């Protein structure tokens, strides 16, 4: 079953469309089950079960939640973002989406995982700001660099990601680690700063490359002769 939903009062230039194997329309309430989908333009909400209250303009999703949308980047091209979670509550009127349960946020640069995610959106539905909490892990795609901590935020307008924790850990693909209290990732320059504090000083663990010769040893492994 599929159809179109108009907001109460009308005036939608781009109405919301829906599809599901089972749909119940009860006055201003819409219940969708089994491959349930709501979409508007290039924005999609998909879940095992979706409920949409047209009076409050709130969407709730349960089970296998997937949303797709784009950032509202200022001075740059918008970037496609995909978010998976166990549950979702999206208040379209105020532009706030709350995700919970094994959350995964993906874009072209990184994959972020956490237990709770709050996303603030602009008037046109583009993502402006996101806060992550509960076992945050962010993997950068190009370098496989991993950042982990207890909470994080993504500021789209300045293209910055910040991770907090006690401690936070930055781990390079080769095994080197830096820990501290705050990681700031400047995505525009791909630079990362790890800051410590008096309570949580910055520390570095260096993993030497395998096969590095011992200082003073000959290249062929023979002992250097004494004069």
N, C-alpha and C. Protein backbone atom coordinates (compact mmCIF):
# COMPACT_ATOMS: atom_id res chain seq x y z
N UNK A 1 0.84 -1.19 0.00
CA UNK A 1 0.00 0.00 0.00
C UNK A 1 0.88 1.24 0.00
N UNK A 2 0.48 2.23 -0.74
CA UNK A 2 1.24 3.48 -0.77
C UNK A 2 0.28 4.64 -0.98
N UNK A 3 0.79 5.85 -0.68
CA UNK A 3 -0.06 7.01 -0.82
C UNK A 3 0.69 8.29 -0.50
N UNK A 4 -0.05 9.36 -0.34
CA UNK A 4 0.52 10.69 -0.09
C UNK A 4 -0.15 11.29 1.14
N UNK A 5 0.67 11.95 1.98
CA UNK A 5 0.16 12.60 3.18
C UNK A 5 0.42 14.09 3.08
N UNK A 6 -0.58 14.88 3.28
CA UNK A 6 -0.42 16.34 3.32
C UNK A 6 -0.51 16.80 4.76
N UNK A 7 0.31 17.79 5.11
CA UNK A 7 0.23 18.35 6.47
C UNK A 7 -1.12 19.03 6.66
N UNK A 8 -1.56 19.01 7.91
CA UNK A 8 -2.83 19.68 8.20
C UNK A 8 -2.70 21.17 7.88
N UNK A 9 -3.68 21.69 7.18
CA UNK A 9 -3.62 23.08 6.76
C UNK A 9 -3.13 23.24 5.34
N UNK A 10 -2.56 22.12 4.78
CA UNK A 10 -2.10 22.15 3.39
C UNK A 10 -0.87 23.01 3.20
N UNK A 11 -0.63 23.38 1.96
CA UNK A 11 0.50 24.26 1.65
C UNK A 11 1.80 23.54 1.40
N UNK A 12 1.77 22.19 1.33
CA UNK A 12 3.00 21.44 1.08
C UNK A 12 3.34 21.49 -0.41
N UNK A 13 4.47 22.11 -0.73
CA UNK A 13 4.92 22.09 -2.13
C UNK A 13 5.44 20.71 -2.49
N UNK A 14 6.02 20.00 -1.50
CA UNK A 14 6.55 18.66 -1.71
C UNK A 14 5.97 17.77 -0.61
N UNK A 15 4.85 17.13 -0.85
CA UNK A 15 4.17 16.36 0.20
C UNK A 15 4.96 15.12 0.60
N UNK A 16 4.63 14.59 1.77
CA UNK A 16 5.24 13.37 2.28
C UNK A 16 4.52 12.16 1.67
N UNK A 17 5.28 11.21 1.22
CA UNK A 17 4.71 9.99 0.64
C UNK A 17 4.99 8.81 1.57
N UNK A 18 4.17 7.77 1.48
CA UNK A 18 4.36 6.61 2.35
C UNK A 18 4.16 5.33 1.57
N UNK A 19 4.71 4.23 2.12
CA UNK A 19 4.51 2.90 1.56
C UNK A 19 4.75 1.88 2.66
N UNK A 20 4.01 0.79 2.65
CA UNK A 20 4.15 -0.29 3.61
C UNK A 20 3.28 -1.45 3.15
N UNK A 21 3.53 -2.63 3.72
CA UNK A 21 2.70 -3.78 3.40
C UNK A 21 1.37 -3.70 4.15
N UNK A 22 1.40 -2.98 5.29
CA UNK A 22 0.18 -2.80 6.06
C UNK A 22 0.11 -1.36 6.53
N UNK A 23 -1.01 -0.70 6.31
CA UNK A 23 -1.17 0.70 6.70
C UNK A 23 -2.55 0.90 7.32
N UNK A 24 -2.57 1.67 8.42
CA UNK A 24 -3.82 2.03 9.08
C UNK A 24 -3.86 3.54 9.20
N UNK A 25 -4.90 4.16 8.65
CA UNK A 25 -5.09 5.60 8.75
C UNK A 25 -6.30 5.85 9.63
N UNK A 26 -6.04 6.41 10.81
CA UNK A 26 -7.09 6.64 11.79
C UNK A 26 -7.13 8.13 12.11
N UNK A 27 -7.96 8.88 11.39
CA UNK A 27 -8.02 10.32 11.57
C UNK A 27 -6.69 10.96 11.23
N UNK A 28 -6.10 11.62 12.22
CA UNK A 28 -4.81 12.27 11.98
C UNK A 28 -3.62 11.39 12.30
N UNK A 29 -3.85 10.10 12.54
CA UNK A 29 -2.76 9.18 12.90
C UNK A 29 -2.57 8.14 11.80
N UNK A 30 -1.30 7.90 11.45
CA UNK A 30 -0.96 6.93 10.42
C UNK A 30 -0.03 5.89 11.02
N UNK A 31 -0.38 4.61 10.86
CA UNK A 31 0.45 3.51 11.34
C UNK A 31 0.86 2.65 10.15
N UNK A 32 2.17 2.45 10.01
CA UNK A 32 2.70 1.67 8.90
C UNK A 32 3.53 0.52 9.45
N UNK A 33 3.37 -0.68 8.90
CA UNK A 33 4.12 -1.85 9.35
C UNK A 33 4.63 -2.65 8.16
N UNK A 34 5.76 -3.32 8.40
CA UNK A 34 6.40 -4.20 7.41
C UNK A 34 6.91 -3.39 6.22
N UNK A 35 8.22 -3.19 6.24
CA UNK A 35 8.89 -2.38 5.21
C UNK A 35 8.22 -1.01 5.10
N UNK A 36 8.04 -0.37 6.26
CA UNK A 36 7.36 0.92 6.31
C UNK A 36 8.31 2.03 5.89
N UNK A 37 7.81 2.94 5.04
CA UNK A 37 8.63 4.03 4.54
C UNK A 37 7.83 5.33 4.48
N UNK A 38 8.52 6.41 4.86
CA UNK A 38 8.02 7.77 4.66
C UNK A 38 9.13 8.53 3.95
N UNK A 39 8.81 9.28 2.93
CA UNK A 39 9.86 10.05 2.27
C UNK A 39 9.32 11.35 1.70
N UNK A 40 10.21 12.30 1.63
CA UNK A 40 9.91 13.62 1.07
C UNK A 40 11.14 14.08 0.32
N UNK A 41 11.02 14.28 -0.96
CA UNK A 41 12.17 14.62 -1.80
C UNK A 41 13.24 13.53 -1.64
N UNK A 42 14.48 13.90 -1.24
CA UNK A 42 15.54 12.89 -1.09
C UNK A 42 15.70 12.43 0.35
N UNK A 43 14.77 12.79 1.24
CA UNK A 43 14.82 12.37 2.64
C UNK A 43 13.92 11.17 2.86
N UNK A 44 14.47 10.13 3.51
CA UNK A 44 13.75 8.87 3.70
C UNK A 44 13.80 8.45 5.16
N UNK A 45 12.67 7.94 5.68
CA UNK A 45 12.62 7.26 6.97
C UNK A 45 12.06 5.87 6.72
N UNK A 46 12.79 4.85 7.19
CA UNK A 46 12.37 3.46 6.96
C UNK A 46 12.50 2.70 8.27
N UNK A 47 11.55 1.80 8.57
CA UNK A 47 11.60 1.02 9.80
C UNK A 47 10.63 -0.15 9.70
N UNK A 48 10.71 -1.07 10.68
CA UNK A 48 9.74 -2.16 10.72
C UNK A 48 8.34 -1.60 11.00
N UNK A 49 8.29 -0.56 11.85
CA UNK A 49 7.02 0.06 12.17
C UNK A 49 7.20 1.57 12.28
N UNK A 50 6.33 2.33 11.65
CA UNK A 50 6.35 3.78 11.71
C UNK A 50 4.98 4.29 12.14
N UNK A 51 5.00 5.31 13.00
CA UNK A 51 3.77 5.99 13.40
C UNK A 51 3.96 7.49 13.13
N UNK A 52 2.99 8.08 12.48
CA UNK A 52 3.05 9.50 12.17
C UNK A 52 1.78 10.17 12.67
N UNK A 53 1.97 11.11 13.60
CA UNK A 53 0.85 11.89 14.12
C UNK A 53 0.83 13.22 13.38
N UNK A 54 -0.13 13.40 12.51
CA UNK A 54 -0.16 14.61 11.69
C UNK A 54 -0.51 15.86 12.49
N UNK A 55 -1.19 15.69 13.62
CA UNK A 55 -1.56 16.84 14.45
C UNK A 55 -0.32 17.46 15.10
N UNK A 56 0.59 16.61 15.58
CA UNK A 56 1.82 17.10 16.23
C UNK A 56 3.01 17.11 15.29
N UNK A 57 2.88 16.50 14.10
CA UNK A 57 3.96 16.41 13.12
C UNK A 57 5.16 15.65 13.69
N UNK A 58 4.86 14.56 14.42
CA UNK A 58 5.91 13.73 15.02
C UNK A 58 5.88 12.34 14.39
N UNK A 59 7.07 11.85 14.03
CA UNK A 59 7.23 10.50 13.47
C UNK A 59 7.99 9.65 14.48
N UNK A 60 7.50 8.43 14.75
CA UNK A 60 8.19 7.48 15.61
C UNK A 60 8.45 6.20 14.83
N UNK A 61 9.68 5.69 14.93
CA UNK A 61 10.04 4.47 14.24
C UNK A 61 10.58 3.45 15.23
N UNK A 62 10.27 2.16 14.99
CA UNK A 62 10.73 1.08 15.85
C UNK A 62 11.22 -0.07 15.00
N UNK A 63 12.44 -0.54 15.31
CA UNK A 63 12.99 -1.71 14.66
C UNK A 63 13.57 -1.43 13.29
N UNK A 64 14.86 -1.69 13.14
CA UNK A 64 15.51 -1.53 11.83
C UNK A 64 15.38 -0.16 11.23
N UNK A 65 15.54 0.87 12.05
CA UNK A 65 15.39 2.24 11.56
C UNK A 65 16.53 2.61 10.62
N UNK A 66 16.20 3.19 9.50
CA UNK A 66 17.17 3.74 8.55
C UNK A 66 16.64 5.07 8.06
N UNK A 67 17.46 6.12 8.16
CA UNK A 67 17.09 7.41 7.57
C UNK A 67 18.21 7.87 6.65
N UNK A 68 17.83 8.55 5.60
CA UNK A 68 18.81 9.16 4.70
C UNK A 68 18.44 10.61 4.51
N UNK A 69 19.45 11.45 4.42
CA UNK A 69 19.25 12.88 4.22
C UNK A 69 20.57 13.51 3.84
N UNK A 70 20.68 14.79 4.08
CA UNK A 70 21.89 15.51 3.70
C UNK A 70 22.21 16.56 4.74
N UNK A 71 23.47 16.97 4.78
CA UNK A 71 23.88 18.05 5.65
C UNK A 71 23.43 19.38 5.06
N UNK A 72 23.37 20.39 5.92
CA UNK A 72 23.04 21.74 5.47
C UNK A 72 24.32 22.57 5.50
N UNK A 73 25.34 22.09 4.77
CA UNK A 73 26.65 22.74 4.80
C UNK A 73 26.57 24.16 4.27
N UNK A 74 27.22 25.07 4.99
CA UNK A 74 27.26 26.47 4.57
C UNK A 74 28.54 26.71 3.76
N UNK A 75 28.40 27.24 2.57
CA UNK A 75 29.57 27.53 1.75
C UNK A 75 30.17 26.31 1.10
N UNK A 76 29.44 25.19 1.09
CA UNK A 76 29.97 23.97 0.47
C UNK A 76 28.83 23.08 0.02
N UNK A 77 29.19 21.99 -0.64
CA UNK A 77 28.18 21.07 -1.15
C UNK A 77 27.61 20.24 -0.02
N UNK A 78 26.30 19.96 -0.07
CA UNK A 78 25.67 19.10 0.92
C UNK A 78 26.19 17.68 0.77
N UNK A 79 26.25 16.95 1.88
CA UNK A 79 26.77 15.60 1.89
C UNK A 79 25.70 14.64 2.36
N UNK A 80 25.57 13.50 1.69
CA UNK A 80 24.56 12.52 2.04
C UNK A 80 24.94 11.84 3.36
N UNK A 81 23.95 11.69 4.26
CA UNK A 81 24.16 11.06 5.56
C UNK A 81 23.14 9.94 5.73
N UNK A 82 23.61 8.77 6.18
CA UNK A 82 22.74 7.65 6.49
C UNK A 82 22.85 7.33 7.97
N UNK A 83 21.72 7.11 8.62
CA UNK A 83 21.70 6.81 10.04
C UNK A 83 20.86 5.56 10.27
N UNK A 84 21.43 4.60 11.02
CA UNK A 84 20.71 3.39 11.40
C UNK A 84 20.58 3.36 12.92
N UNK A 85 19.49 2.79 13.43
CA UNK A 85 19.26 2.72 14.87
C UNK A 85 18.13 1.74 15.15
N UNK A 86 17.89 1.51 16.44
CA UNK A 86 16.78 0.65 16.85
C UNK A 86 15.48 1.43 16.92
N UNK A 87 15.55 2.71 17.36
CA UNK A 87 14.34 3.51 17.46
C UNK A 87 14.61 4.96 17.08
N UNK A 88 13.55 5.66 16.72
CA UNK A 88 13.64 7.06 16.29
C UNK A 88 12.40 7.80 16.74
N UNK A 89 12.59 9.05 17.19
CA UNK A 89 11.49 9.99 17.38
C UNK A 89 11.89 11.30 16.71
N UNK A 90 11.13 11.71 15.72
CA UNK A 90 11.46 12.88 14.90
C UNK A 90 10.33 13.89 14.98
N UNK A 91 10.60 15.02 15.60
CA UNK A 91 9.65 16.12 15.67
C UNK A 91 9.93 17.05 14.49
N UNK A 92 9.14 16.93 13.46
CA UNK A 92 9.39 17.71 12.25
C UNK A 92 9.17 19.19 12.47
N UNK A 93 8.28 19.54 13.39
CA UNK A 93 7.99 20.95 13.62
C UNK A 93 9.17 21.73 14.16
N UNK A 94 9.95 21.11 15.06
CA UNK A 94 11.11 21.79 15.64
C UNK A 94 12.41 21.33 15.00
N UNK A 95 12.35 20.34 14.11
CA UNK A 95 13.55 19.89 13.41
C UNK A 95 14.52 19.14 14.30
N UNK A 96 13.99 18.25 15.17
CA UNK A 96 14.85 17.50 16.09
C UNK A 96 14.54 16.01 15.96
N UNK A 97 15.61 15.21 15.72
CA UNK A 97 15.48 13.76 15.61
C UNK A 97 16.32 13.09 16.70
N UNK A 98 15.70 12.16 17.44
CA UNK A 98 16.38 11.44 18.52
C UNK A 98 16.42 9.95 18.15
N UNK A 99 17.66 9.42 18.07
CA UNK A 99 17.88 8.01 17.75
C UNK A 99 18.42 7.29 18.97
N UNK A 100 18.05 6.01 19.12
CA UNK A 100 18.58 5.21 20.22
C UNK A 100 18.81 3.78 19.77
N UNK A 101 19.81 3.13 20.41
CA UNK A 101 20.07 1.72 20.20
C UNK A 101 20.97 1.41 19.01
N UNK A 102 22.24 1.07 19.30
CA UNK A 102 23.20 0.66 18.25
C UNK A 102 23.15 1.61 17.05
N UNK A 103 23.35 2.88 17.32
CA UNK A 103 23.25 3.90 16.29
C UNK A 103 24.52 3.90 15.43
N UNK A 104 24.33 4.01 14.14
CA UNK A 104 25.45 4.14 13.20
C UNK A 104 25.16 5.29 12.24
N UNK A 105 26.05 6.27 12.21
CA UNK A 105 25.93 7.44 11.32
C UNK A 105 27.06 7.36 10.30
N UNK A 106 26.72 7.42 9.03
CA UNK A 106 27.71 7.29 7.96
C UNK A 106 27.60 8.45 6.97
N UNK A 107 28.77 8.97 6.57
CA UNK A 107 28.84 9.89 5.44
C UNK A 107 30.06 9.49 4.62
N UNK A 108 30.44 10.31 3.66
CA UNK A 108 31.55 9.96 2.79
C UNK A 108 32.91 9.95 3.46
N UNK A 109 33.03 10.58 4.63
CA UNK A 109 34.31 10.71 5.30
C UNK A 109 34.51 9.77 6.47
N UNK A 110 33.42 9.39 7.15
CA UNK A 110 33.58 8.65 8.40
C UNK A 110 32.35 7.81 8.71
N UNK A 111 32.55 6.87 9.65
CA UNK A 111 31.47 6.07 10.21
C UNK A 111 31.52 6.26 11.72
N UNK A 112 30.41 6.70 12.32
CA UNK A 112 30.34 6.94 13.76
C UNK A 112 29.33 5.98 14.37
N UNK A 113 29.69 5.42 15.54
CA UNK A 113 28.81 4.51 16.26
C UNK A 113 28.63 5.01 17.69
N UNK A 114 27.42 4.85 18.23
CA UNK A 114 27.12 5.26 19.60
C UNK A 114 25.80 4.62 19.99
N UNK A 115 25.31 4.93 21.20
CA UNK A 115 24.02 4.40 21.65
C UNK A 115 22.90 5.41 21.54
N UNK A 116 23.24 6.69 21.57
CA UNK A 116 22.21 7.74 21.47
C UNK A 116 22.72 8.86 20.56
N UNK A 117 21.83 9.35 19.72
CA UNK A 117 22.17 10.41 18.77
C UNK A 117 21.04 11.41 18.70
N UNK A 118 21.38 12.69 18.81
CA UNK A 118 20.40 13.77 18.67
C UNK A 118 20.84 14.64 17.50
N UNK A 119 19.94 14.85 16.56
CA UNK A 119 20.24 15.59 15.33
C UNK A 119 19.33 16.80 15.22
N UNK A 120 19.93 17.97 15.03
CA UNK A 120 19.18 19.21 14.80
C UNK A 120 19.21 19.54 13.32
N UNK A 121 18.05 19.86 12.76
CA UNK A 121 17.94 20.11 11.33
C UNK A 121 17.47 21.52 11.04
N UNK A 122 17.83 22.01 9.86
CA UNK A 122 17.41 23.32 9.43
C UNK A 122 16.00 23.30 8.85
N UNK A 123 15.50 24.46 8.41
CA UNK A 123 14.14 24.56 7.88
C UNK A 123 13.87 23.65 6.69
N UNK A 124 14.89 23.35 5.91
CA UNK A 124 14.72 22.49 4.73
C UNK A 124 15.09 21.04 5.00
N UNK A 125 15.35 20.70 6.27
CA UNK A 125 15.63 19.32 6.62
C UNK A 125 17.08 18.93 6.59
N UNK A 126 17.98 19.85 6.27
CA UNK A 126 19.41 19.53 6.27
C UNK A 126 19.96 19.48 7.68
N UNK A 127 20.92 18.58 7.92
CA UNK A 127 21.50 18.41 9.25
C UNK A 127 22.43 19.58 9.56
N UNK A 128 22.21 20.22 10.71
CA UNK A 128 23.03 21.33 11.16
C UNK A 128 24.02 20.91 12.25
N UNK A 129 23.57 20.03 13.12
CA UNK A 129 24.32 19.75 14.35
C UNK A 129 23.92 18.37 14.84
N UNK A 130 24.88 17.63 15.42
CA UNK A 130 24.57 16.32 15.97
C UNK A 130 25.36 16.09 17.25
N UNK A 131 24.72 15.49 18.24
CA UNK A 131 25.41 15.11 19.47
C UNK A 131 25.28 13.59 19.64
N UNK A 132 26.41 12.96 20.01
CA UNK A 132 26.48 11.52 20.16
C UNK A 132 26.87 11.20 21.60
N UNK A 133 26.33 10.12 22.16
CA UNK A 133 26.69 9.72 23.51
C UNK A 133 26.57 8.21 23.67
N UNK A 134 27.32 7.69 24.64
CA UNK A 134 27.28 6.26 24.91
C UNK A 134 28.20 5.46 24.02
N UNK A 135 29.45 5.26 24.47
CA UNK A 135 30.39 4.43 23.71
C UNK A 135 30.65 4.92 22.30
N UNK A 136 31.05 6.18 22.16
CA UNK A 136 31.25 6.78 20.84
C UNK A 136 32.52 6.25 20.19
N UNK A 137 32.40 5.83 18.95
CA UNK A 137 33.55 5.40 18.13
C UNK A 137 33.38 6.01 16.74
N UNK A 138 34.41 6.70 16.27
CA UNK A 138 34.37 7.34 14.96
C UNK A 138 35.56 6.85 14.15
N UNK A 139 35.29 6.22 13.01
CA UNK A 139 36.36 5.71 12.14
C UNK A 139 36.41 6.55 10.87
N UNK A 140 37.58 7.12 10.63
CA UNK A 140 37.78 7.88 9.39
C UNK A 140 38.07 6.90 8.26
N UNK A 141 37.39 7.07 7.14
CA UNK A 141 37.48 6.09 6.06
C UNK A 141 38.84 6.04 5.38
N UNK A 142 39.44 7.19 5.09
CA UNK A 142 40.65 7.22 4.28
C UNK A 142 41.87 6.68 5.00
N UNK A 143 42.01 6.98 6.28
CA UNK A 143 43.21 6.58 7.03
C UNK A 143 42.95 5.43 8.01
N UNK A 144 41.68 5.04 8.19
CA UNK A 144 41.29 4.04 9.18
C UNK A 144 41.63 4.49 10.61
N UNK A 145 41.85 5.77 10.79
CA UNK A 145 42.09 6.33 12.11
C UNK A 145 40.82 6.22 12.95
N UNK A 146 40.95 5.83 14.24
CA UNK A 146 39.80 5.64 15.11
C UNK A 146 39.85 6.61 16.27
N UNK A 147 38.71 7.26 16.54
CA UNK A 147 38.56 8.15 17.69
C UNK A 147 37.46 7.61 18.58
N UNK A 148 37.72 7.49 19.88
CA UNK A 148 36.72 6.94 20.79
C UNK A 148 36.64 7.75 22.07
N UNK A 149 35.45 7.77 22.66
CA UNK A 149 35.21 8.52 23.90
C UNK A 149 33.80 8.27 24.39
N UNK A 150 33.36 9.10 25.34
CA UNK A 150 32.02 8.94 25.90
C UNK A 150 30.97 9.78 25.17
N UNK A 151 31.36 10.91 24.60
CA UNK A 151 30.40 11.76 23.90
C UNK A 151 31.10 12.52 22.79
N UNK A 152 30.31 13.05 21.86
CA UNK A 152 30.89 13.77 20.72
C UNK A 152 29.85 14.72 20.14
N UNK A 153 30.33 15.65 19.32
CA UNK A 153 29.42 16.52 18.59
C UNK A 153 29.98 16.77 17.20
N UNK A 154 29.07 16.97 16.25
CA UNK A 154 29.43 17.28 14.87
C UNK A 154 28.81 18.62 14.54
N UNK A 155 29.64 19.60 14.18
CA UNK A 155 29.18 20.94 13.83
C UNK A 155 29.36 21.09 12.32
N UNK A 156 28.26 21.03 11.59
CA UNK A 156 28.32 21.01 10.14
C UNK A 156 28.85 22.33 9.58
N UNK A 157 28.43 23.47 10.13
CA UNK A 157 28.80 24.77 9.57
C UNK A 157 30.31 25.00 9.58
N UNK A 158 31.00 24.49 10.62
CA UNK A 158 32.45 24.67 10.70
C UNK A 158 33.21 23.40 10.32
N UNK A 159 32.49 22.33 9.95
CA UNK A 159 33.11 21.08 9.51
C UNK A 159 34.06 20.52 10.57
N UNK A 160 33.59 20.53 11.82
CA UNK A 160 34.40 20.10 12.95
C UNK A 160 33.70 18.97 13.70
N UNK A 161 34.51 17.98 14.15
CA UNK A 161 34.03 16.91 15.02
C UNK A 161 34.85 16.97 16.31
N UNK A 162 34.17 16.92 17.46
CA UNK A 162 34.84 16.92 18.75
C UNK A 162 34.37 15.72 19.55
N UNK A 163 35.34 15.07 20.24
CA UNK A 163 35.06 13.88 21.05
C UNK A 163 35.59 14.12 22.46
N UNK A 164 34.74 13.86 23.49
CA UNK A 164 35.14 14.01 24.89
C UNK A 164 35.17 12.65 25.56
N UNK A 165 35.99 12.54 26.62
CA UNK A 165 36.00 11.31 27.39
C UNK A 165 37.04 11.36 28.50
N UNK A 166 37.04 10.33 29.30
CA UNK A 166 38.00 10.23 30.39
C UNK A 166 38.59 8.81 30.42
N UNK A 167 39.49 8.48 29.46
CA UNK A 167 40.01 9.43 28.46
C UNK A 167 39.34 9.24 27.10
N UNK A 168 39.72 10.13 26.15
CA UNK A 168 39.47 9.87 24.73
C UNK A 168 40.73 9.22 24.16
N UNK A 169 40.56 8.43 23.11
CA UNK A 169 41.71 7.74 22.51
C UNK A 169 41.67 7.94 21.00
N UNK A 170 42.80 8.37 20.46
CA UNK A 170 43.00 8.44 19.01
C UNK A 170 43.97 7.32 18.65
N UNK A 171 43.54 6.41 17.81
CA UNK A 171 44.39 5.28 17.41
C UNK A 171 44.59 5.28 15.91
N UNK A 172 45.87 5.28 15.50
CA UNK A 172 46.21 5.23 14.09
C UNK A 172 46.15 3.78 13.60
N UNK A 173 46.05 3.60 12.29
CA UNK A 173 45.96 2.25 11.73
C UNK A 173 47.19 1.41 12.08
N UNK A 174 48.35 2.05 12.23
CA UNK A 174 49.57 1.32 12.55
C UNK A 174 49.70 0.92 14.00
N UNK A 175 48.78 1.37 14.87
CA UNK A 175 48.81 0.99 16.27
C UNK A 175 49.20 2.10 17.22
N UNK A 176 49.75 3.21 16.72
CA UNK A 176 50.10 4.32 17.61
C UNK A 176 48.83 4.91 18.23
N UNK A 177 48.93 5.30 19.51
CA UNK A 177 47.77 5.84 20.22
C UNK A 177 48.13 7.13 20.95
N UNK A 178 47.17 8.04 20.99
CA UNK A 178 47.28 9.24 21.81
C UNK A 178 45.99 9.34 22.61
N UNK A 179 46.10 9.52 23.93
CA UNK A 179 44.92 9.66 24.77
C UNK A 179 44.93 11.02 25.44
N UNK A 180 43.77 11.48 25.85
CA UNK A 180 43.65 12.79 26.49
C UNK A 180 42.22 13.00 26.95
N UNK A 181 41.78 14.26 26.91
CA UNK A 181 40.43 14.60 27.37
C UNK A 181 39.53 15.07 26.24
N UNK A 182 40.11 15.60 25.16
CA UNK A 182 39.33 16.14 24.04
C UNK A 182 40.07 15.92 22.73
N UNK A 183 39.34 15.40 21.74
CA UNK A 183 39.85 15.28 20.37
C UNK A 183 39.07 16.25 19.50
N UNK A 184 39.78 17.06 18.72
CA UNK A 184 39.15 17.95 17.75
C UNK A 184 39.63 17.58 16.36
N UNK A 185 38.71 17.19 15.51
CA UNK A 185 39.03 16.80 14.13
C UNK A 185 38.52 17.89 13.20
N UNK A 186 39.46 18.62 12.58
CA UNK A 186 39.12 19.63 11.57
C UNK A 186 39.02 18.92 10.23
N UNK A 187 37.81 18.62 9.82
CA UNK A 187 37.63 17.80 8.62
C UNK A 187 38.08 18.50 7.34
N UNK A 188 38.00 19.83 7.30
CA UNK A 188 38.38 20.55 6.08
C UNK A 188 39.88 20.40 5.79
N UNK A 189 40.70 20.31 6.83
CA UNK A 189 42.15 20.16 6.66
C UNK A 189 42.62 18.76 7.05
N UNK A 190 41.71 17.93 7.54
CA UNK A 190 42.00 16.58 8.02
C UNK A 190 43.09 16.58 9.10
N UNK A 191 43.07 17.60 9.95
CA UNK A 191 44.01 17.68 11.07
C UNK A 191 43.29 17.30 12.36
N UNK A 192 44.04 16.66 13.29
CA UNK A 192 43.47 16.20 14.55
C UNK A 192 44.32 16.72 15.69
N UNK A 193 43.66 17.29 16.71
CA UNK A 193 44.33 17.79 17.89
C UNK A 193 43.80 17.04 19.10
N UNK A 194 44.72 16.48 19.92
CA UNK A 194 44.35 15.80 21.15
C UNK A 194 44.82 16.66 22.32
N UNK A 195 43.88 17.05 23.18
CA UNK A 195 44.20 17.90 24.33
C UNK A 195 43.98 17.14 25.63
N UNK A 196 44.87 17.40 26.60
CA UNK A 196 44.74 16.81 27.92
C UNK A 196 44.41 17.88 28.94
N UNK A 197 44.38 17.48 30.20
CA UNK A 197 44.14 18.40 31.30
C UNK A 197 44.96 17.92 32.49
N UNK A 198 44.87 18.64 33.59
CA UNK A 198 45.62 18.25 34.78
C UNK A 198 45.16 16.88 35.28
N UNK A 199 43.85 16.63 35.19
CA UNK A 199 43.32 15.35 35.64
C UNK A 199 43.52 14.24 34.62
N UNK A 200 43.48 14.61 33.34
CA UNK A 200 43.64 13.62 32.27
C UNK A 200 44.71 14.11 31.30
N UNK A 201 46.00 13.92 31.65
CA UNK A 201 47.07 14.41 30.77
C UNK A 201 47.12 13.62 29.47
N UNK A 202 47.59 14.29 28.42
CA UNK A 202 47.74 13.62 27.13
C UNK A 202 48.91 12.64 27.21
N UNK A 203 48.71 11.43 26.69
CA UNK A 203 49.74 10.40 26.69
C UNK A 203 49.82 9.78 25.31
N UNK A 204 51.03 9.36 24.92
CA UNK A 204 51.25 8.76 23.61
C UNK A 204 51.83 7.37 23.77
N UNK A 205 51.28 6.41 23.03
CA UNK A 205 51.84 5.06 22.95
C UNK A 205 52.31 4.86 21.53
N UNK A 206 53.61 4.68 21.37
CA UNK A 206 54.20 4.54 20.03
C UNK A 206 54.49 3.09 19.75
N UNK A 207 53.96 2.59 18.65
CA UNK A 207 54.19 1.21 18.23
C UNK A 207 55.23 1.21 17.12
N UNK A 208 56.48 0.77 17.41
CA UNK A 208 57.51 0.80 16.37
C UNK A 208 57.18 -0.16 15.25
N UNK A 209 57.61 0.22 14.05
CA UNK A 209 57.39 -0.64 12.89
C UNK A 209 58.14 -1.95 13.05
N UNK A 210 57.55 -3.06 12.60
CA UNK A 210 58.20 -4.36 12.72
C UNK A 210 59.44 -4.40 11.84
N UNK A 211 60.46 -5.09 12.33
CA UNK A 211 61.67 -5.22 11.55
C UNK A 211 62.63 -4.07 11.67
N UNK A 212 62.35 -3.11 12.60
CA UNK A 212 63.26 -1.99 12.78
C UNK A 212 64.56 -2.49 13.39
N UNK A 213 65.73 -2.24 12.77
CA UNK A 213 67.00 -2.77 13.28
C UNK A 213 67.34 -2.17 14.63
N UNK A 214 67.99 -2.99 15.47
CA UNK A 214 68.44 -2.53 16.77
C UNK A 214 69.57 -1.55 16.60
N UNK A 215 69.55 -0.40 17.30
CA UNK A 215 70.65 0.57 17.16
C UNK A 215 72.00 -0.08 17.47
N UNK A 216 72.98 0.15 16.60
CA UNK A 216 74.31 -0.39 16.81
C UNK A 216 74.54 -1.72 16.14
N UNK A 217 73.47 -2.35 15.63
CA UNK A 217 73.64 -3.63 14.98
C UNK A 217 73.94 -3.44 13.51
N UNK A 218 74.67 -4.39 12.92
CA UNK A 218 74.97 -4.34 11.49
C UNK A 218 73.73 -4.74 10.71
N UNK A 219 73.60 -4.23 9.46
CA UNK A 219 72.42 -4.55 8.67
C UNK A 219 72.21 -6.04 8.47
N UNK A 220 73.33 -6.82 8.40
CA UNK A 220 73.20 -8.25 8.18
C UNK A 220 72.98 -9.02 9.48
N UNK A 221 72.88 -8.29 10.60
CA UNK A 221 72.62 -8.94 11.89
C UNK A 221 73.86 -9.32 12.65
N UNK A 222 75.04 -9.20 12.06
CA UNK A 222 76.28 -9.55 12.74
C UNK A 222 76.63 -8.49 13.77
N UNK A 223 77.30 -8.91 14.85
CA UNK A 223 77.75 -7.98 15.87
C UNK A 223 78.87 -7.10 15.33
N UNK A 224 78.84 -5.82 15.71
CA UNK A 224 79.89 -4.91 15.29
C UNK A 224 81.17 -5.27 16.04
N UNK A 225 82.26 -5.36 15.33
CA UNK A 225 83.53 -5.72 15.95
C UNK A 225 84.07 -4.57 16.77
N UNK A 226 84.71 -4.98 17.88
CA UNK A 226 85.34 -3.96 18.69
C UNK A 226 86.68 -3.57 18.06
N UNK A 227 87.08 -2.33 18.21
CA UNK A 227 88.38 -1.93 17.60
C UNK A 227 89.52 -2.59 18.36
